[in-house]
Amino acid sequence: MTTTTPLLSDAAKIQREMHQVRAELRDDVEEMVDSARVLGQWRAYVHRYPWLCLGAAAAVGYFLVPSRIMVLRPDTESLMELARSKKLVVNMNGPEKKQPGLVSSLIGMAAGTAMQAGLALASKQINQYLAAAAAPPPNAPRPGVYR
């Protein structure tokens, strides 16, 4: 009988350790899920690192905005001299631009409005899809509940 008692205590000890491992694993999984949610939200980065995000936005804006065009206004004599030396012909009457009519203006406005409505609908659909993908299924067991 003395040989079975240590085996039972070893089995109980292993069961306790396995229960503890499951509990730690459950906590680790919950922590990983929470951190994965935070990684996907840009607001968390702005909240956590506001100055870095401000600097990044300023740098992106600096590189996206085109540089100012320098307009030179030389005098007529220097332009004529340049034209003579390079044998340049200057045509002062360029092609006239045709002004859009009333119908084409209305069509352009309607197309812009339709594009905005389409983008708003697409944005709403994408947000709903992402919210549904992030939410757990309604019949999924909660972590830590064993059946």
C-alpha atoms as a PDB file:
ATOM      1  CA  MET A   1       0.000   0.000   0.000  1.00  0.00           C
ATOM      2  CA  THR A   2       2.850   2.362   0.531  1.00  0.00           C
ATOM      3  CA  THR A   3       3.778   2.232  -3.183  1.00  0.00           C
ATOM      4  CA  THR A   4       0.341   3.453  -4.348  1.00  0.00           C
ATOM      5  CA  THR A   5       0.236   6.474  -2.024  1.00  0.00           C
ATOM      6  CA  PRO A   6       3.256   8.249  -3.572  1.00  0.00           C
ATOM      7  CA  LEU A   7       1.805   7.578  -7.022  1.00  0.00           C
ATOM      8  CA  LEU A   8      -1.489   9.194  -6.035  1.00  0.00           C
ATOM      9  CA  SER A   9       0.249  12.195  -4.550  1.00  0.00           C
ATOM     10  CA  ASP A  10       2.397  12.523  -7.691  1.00  0.00           C
ATOM     11  CA  ALA A  11      -0.730  12.367  -9.871  1.00  0.00           C
ATOM     12  CA  ALA A  12      -2.453  14.996  -7.728  1.00  0.00           C
ATOM     13  CA  LYS A  13       0.669  17.150  -7.882  1.00  0.00           C
ATOM     14  CA  ILE A  14       0.782  16.850 -11.689  1.00  0.00           C
ATOM     15  CA  GLN A  15      -2.927  17.703 -11.872  1.00  0.00           C
ATOM     16  CA  ARG A  16      -2.373  20.825  -9.753  1.00  0.00           C
ATOM     17  CA  GLU A  17       0.556  21.860 -11.927  1.00  0.00           C
ATOM     18  CA  MET A  18      -1.466  21.309 -15.109  1.00  0.00           C
ATOM     19  CA  HIS A  19      -4.326  23.387 -13.669  1.00  0.00           C
ATOM     20  CA  GLN A  20      -1.854  26.159 -12.862  1.00  0.00           C
ATOM     21  CA  VAL A  21      -0.342  25.978 -16.367  1.00  0.00           C
ATOM     22  CA  ARG A  22      -3.834  26.236 -17.911  1.00  0.00           C
ATOM     23  CA  ALA A  23      -4.659  29.266 -15.780  1.00  0.00           C
ATOM     24  CA  GLU A  24      -1.386  30.981 -16.734  1.00  0.00           C
ATOM     25  CA  LEU A  25      -1.911  30.103 -20.381  1.00  0.00           C
ATOM     26  CA  ARG A  26      -5.420  31.582 -20.296  1.00  0.00           C
ATOM     27  CA  ASP A  27      -4.051  34.819 -18.787  1.00  0.00           C
ATOM     28  CA  ASP A  28      -1.269  34.941 -21.382  1.00  0.00           C
ATOM     29  CA  VAL A  29      -3.732  34.457 -24.254  1.00  0.00           C
ATOM     30  CA  GLU A  30      -6.018  37.195 -22.917  1.00  0.00           C
ATOM     31  CA  GLU A  31      -3.036  39.526 -22.607  1.00  0.00           C
ATOM     32  CA  MET A  32      -1.923  38.748 -26.175  1.00  0.00           C
ATOM     33  CA  VAL A  33      -5.414  39.399 -27.546  1.00  0.00           C
ATOM     34  CA  ASP A  34      -5.612  42.732 -25.719  1.00  0.00           C
ATOM     35  CA  SER A  35      -2.174  43.802 -26.966  1.00  0.00           C
ATOM     36  CA  ALA A  36      -3.067  42.771 -30.536  1.00  0.00           C
ATOM     37  CA  ARG A  37      -6.181  44.956 -30.373  1.00  0.00           C
ATOM     38  CA  VAL A  38      -4.117  47.899 -29.171  1.00  0.00           C
ATOM     39  CA  LEU A  39      -1.538  47.400 -31.950  1.00  0.00           C
ATOM     40  CA  GLY A  40      -4.243  47.750 -34.579  1.00  0.00           C
ATOM     41  CA  GLN A  41      -5.542  51.080 -33.286  1.00  0.00           C
ATOM     42  CA  TRP A  42      -3.716  54.191 -34.460  1.00  0.00           C
ATOM     43  CA  ARG A  43      -5.311  56.278 -31.705  1.00  0.00           C
ATOM     44  CA  ALA A  44      -3.360  54.296 -29.122  1.00  0.00           C
ATOM     45  CA  TYR A  45      -0.083  55.348 -30.766  1.00  0.00           C
ATOM     46  CA  VAL A  46      -1.178  58.987 -30.884  1.00  0.00           C
ATOM     47  CA  HIS A  47      -2.185  58.803 -27.226  1.00  0.00           C
ATOM     48  CA  ARG A  48       1.027  57.078 -26.191  1.00  0.00           C
ATOM     49  CA  TYR A  49       3.485  59.005 -28.416  1.00  0.00           C
ATOM     50  CA  PRO A  50       1.880  62.366 -29.283  1.00  0.00           C
ATOM     51  CA  TRP A  51       5.090  64.261 -30.100  1.00  0.00           C
ATOM     52  CA  LEU A  52       6.464  61.510 -32.299  1.00  0.00           C
ATOM     53  CA  CYS A  53       3.178  61.317 -34.226  1.00  0.00           C
ATOM     54  CA  LEU A  54       3.106  65.100 -34.595  1.00  0.00           C
ATOM     55  CA  GLY A  55       6.653  65.069 -35.964  1.00  0.00           C
ATOM     56  CA  ALA A  56       5.832  62.232 -38.354  1.00  0.00           C
ATOM     57  CA  ALA A  57       2.738  64.070 -39.602  1.00  0.00           C
ATOM     58  CA  ALA A  58       4.771  67.243 -40.114  1.00  0.00           C
ATOM     59  CA  ALA A  59       7.457  65.332 -42.033  1.00  0.00           C
ATOM     60  CA  VAL A  60       4.870  63.629 -44.258  1.00  0.00           C
ATOM     61  CA  GLY A  61       3.185  66.981 -44.896  1.00  0.00           C
ATOM     62  CA  TYR A  62       6.519  68.575 -45.739  1.00  0.00           C
ATOM     63  CA  PHE A  63       7.322  65.929 -48.334  1.00  0.00           C
ATOM     64  CA  LEU A  64       3.811  65.771 -49.805  1.00  0.00           C
ATOM     65  CA  VAL A  65       3.308  69.504 -50.331  1.00  0.00           C
ATOM     66  CA  PRO A  66       5.069  70.617 -53.501  1.00  0.00           C
ATOM     67  CA  SER A  67       7.674  73.317 -53.252  1.00  0.00           C
ATOM     68  CA  ARG A  68       6.754  76.851 -54.214  1.00  0.00           C
ATOM     69  CA  ILE A  69       7.419  77.688 -57.854  1.00  0.00           C
ATOM     70  CA  MET A  70       9.819  80.550 -58.313  1.00  0.00           C
ATOM     71  CA  VAL A  71       8.477  83.064 -60.802  1.00  0.00           C
ATOM     72  CA  LEU A  72      11.109  85.173 -62.534  1.00  0.00           C
ATOM     73  CA  ARG A  73      10.050  88.412 -64.144  1.00  0.00           C
ATOM     74  CA  PRO A  74      12.865  89.427 -66.477  1.00  0.00           C
ATOM     75  CA  ASP A  75      12.681  92.629 -68.446  1.00  0.00           C
ATOM     76  CA  THR A  76      11.722  92.750 -72.096  1.00  0.00           C
ATOM     77  CA  GLU A  77      15.196  93.532 -73.420  1.00  0.00           C
ATOM     78  CA  SER A  78      16.807  90.506 -71.774  1.00  0.00           C
ATOM     79  CA  LEU A  79      14.047  88.253 -73.114  1.00  0.00           C
ATOM     80  CA  MET A  80      14.481  89.602 -76.624  1.00  0.00           C
ATOM     81  CA  GLU A  81      18.265  89.112 -76.435  1.00  0.00           C
ATOM     82  CA  LEU A  82      17.794  85.546 -75.229  1.00  0.00           C
ATOM     83  CA  ALA A  83      15.284  84.873 -77.994  1.00  0.00           C
ATOM     84  CA  ARG A  84      17.655  86.260 -80.666  1.00  0.00           C
ATOM     85  CA  SER A  85      20.666  84.300 -79.437  1.00  0.00           C
ATOM     86  CA  LYS A  86      18.781  81.009 -79.253  1.00  0.00           C
ATOM     87  CA  LYS A  87      16.673  81.721 -82.352  1.00  0.00           C
ATOM     88  CA  LEU A  88      13.518  81.402 -80.299  1.00  0.00           C
ATOM     89  CA  VAL A  89      10.144  82.319 -81.742  1.00  0.00           C
ATOM     90  CA  VAL A  90       7.603  83.614 -79.243  1.00  0.00           C
ATOM     91  CA  ASN A  91       3.936  83.332 -80.074  1.00  0.00           C
ATOM     92  CA  MET A  92       1.979  85.691 -77.857  1.00  0.00           C
ATOM     93  CA  ASN A  93      -1.408  84.284 -78.844  1.00  0.00           C
ATOM     94  CA  GLY A  94      -1.719  80.845 -77.285  1.00  0.00           C
ATOM     95  CA  PRO A  95      -4.596  78.461 -77.753  1.00  0.00           C
ATOM     96  CA  GLU A  96      -7.764  79.655 -76.065  1.00  0.00           C
ATOM     97  CA  LYS A  97      -9.257  77.535 -73.358  1.00  0.00           C
ATOM     98  CA  LYS A  98     -12.840  76.539 -73.859  1.00  0.00           C
ATOM     99  CA  GLN A  99     -15.093  77.329 -70.923  1.00  0.00           C
ATOM    100  CA  PRO A 100     -17.227  74.396 -69.766  1.00  0.00           C
ATOM    101  CA  GLY A 101     -20.934  74.717 -70.421  1.00  0.00           C
ATOM    102  CA  LEU A 102     -23.792  74.511 -67.947  1.00  0.00           C
ATOM    103  CA  VAL A 103     -24.559  70.853 -68.668  1.00  0.00           C
ATOM    104  CA  SER A 104     -20.968  69.687 -68.264  1.00  0.00           C
ATOM    105  CA  SER A 105     -20.673  71.663 -65.005  1.00  0.00           C
ATOM    106  CA  LEU A 106     -23.829  70.006 -63.649  1.00  0.00           C
ATOM    107  CA  ILE A 107     -22.599  66.575 -64.704  1.00  0.00           C
ATOM    108  CA  GLY A 108     -19.284  67.226 -62.970  1.00  0.00           C
ATOM    109  CA  MET A 109     -21.044  68.278 -59.760  1.00  0.00           C
ATOM    110  CA  ALA A 110     -23.313  65.216 -59.861  1.00  0.00           C
ATOM    111  CA  ALA A 111     -20.335  62.918 -60.427  1.00  0.00           C
ATOM    112  CA  GLY A 112     -18.496  64.470 -57.462  1.00  0.00           C
ATOM    113  CA  THR A 113     -21.537  64.034 -55.221  1.00  0.00           C
ATOM    114  CA  ALA A 114     -21.972  60.433 -56.336  1.00  0.00           C
ATOM    115  CA  MET A 115     -18.277  59.759 -55.660  1.00  0.00           C
ATOM    116  CA  GLN A 116     -18.558  61.179 -52.129  1.00  0.00           C
ATOM    117  CA  ALA A 117     -21.656  59.091 -51.407  1.00  0.00           C
ATOM    118  CA  GLY A 118     -19.939  55.970 -52.742  1.00  0.00           C
ATOM    119  CA  LEU A 119     -16.856  56.574 -50.608  1.00  0.00           C
ATOM    120  CA  ALA A 120     -19.011  57.157 -47.512  1.00  0.00           C
ATOM    121  CA  LEU A 121     -20.905  53.903 -48.145  1.00  0.00           C
ATOM    122  CA  ALA A 122     -17.678  51.968 -48.732  1.00  0.00           C
ATOM    123  CA  SER A 123     -16.184  53.404 -45.552  1.00  0.00           C
ATOM    124  CA  LYS A 124     -19.273  52.392 -43.567  1.00  0.00           C
ATOM    125  CA  GLN A 125     -19.178  48.851 -44.971  1.00  0.00           C
ATOM    126  CA  ILE A 126     -15.469  48.474 -44.193  1.00  0.00           C
ATOM    127  CA  ASN A 127     -15.978  49.727 -40.628  1.00  0.00           C
ATOM    128  CA  GLN A 128     -18.836  47.251 -40.101  1.00  0.00           C
ATOM    129  CA  TYR A 129     -16.740  44.411 -41.480  1.00  0.00           C
ATOM    130  CA  LEU A 130     -13.787  45.271 -39.250  1.00  0.00           C
ATOM    131  CA  ALA A 131     -16.028  45.588 -36.193  1.00  0.00           C
ATOM    132  CA  ALA A 132     -17.587  42.197 -36.930  1.00  0.00           C
ATOM    133  CA  ALA A 133     -14.170  40.630 -37.472  1.00  0.00           C
ATOM    134  CA  ALA A 134     -12.842  42.009 -34.179  1.00  0.00           C
ATOM    135  CA  ALA A 135     -15.873  40.897 -32.137  1.00  0.00           C
ATOM    136  CA  PRO A 136     -15.914  37.301 -30.859  1.00  0.00           C
ATOM    137  CA  PRO A 137     -18.647  35.013 -32.226  1.00  0.00           C
ATOM    138  CA  PRO A 138     -21.818  35.101 -30.076  1.00  0.00           C
ATOM    139  CA  ASN A 139     -21.701  31.397 -29.161  1.00  0.00           C
ATOM    140  CA  ALA A 140     -17.939  31.225 -28.566  1.00  0.00           C
ATOM    141  CA  PRO A 141     -16.934  30.066 -25.075  1.00  0.00           C
ATOM    142  CA  ARG A 142     -15.373  32.724 -22.921  1.00  0.00           C
ATOM    143  CA  PRO A 143     -11.773  32.200 -21.851  1.00  0.00           C
ATOM    144  CA  GLY A 144     -11.547  30.454 -18.525  1.00  0.00           C
ATOM    145  CA  VAL A 145     -14.947  28.754 -18.728  1.00  0.00           C
ATOM    146  CA  TYR A 146     -14.698  24.985 -19.103  1.00  0.00           C
ATOM    147  CA  ARG A 147     -17.624  22.899 -20.184  1.00  0.00           C
END
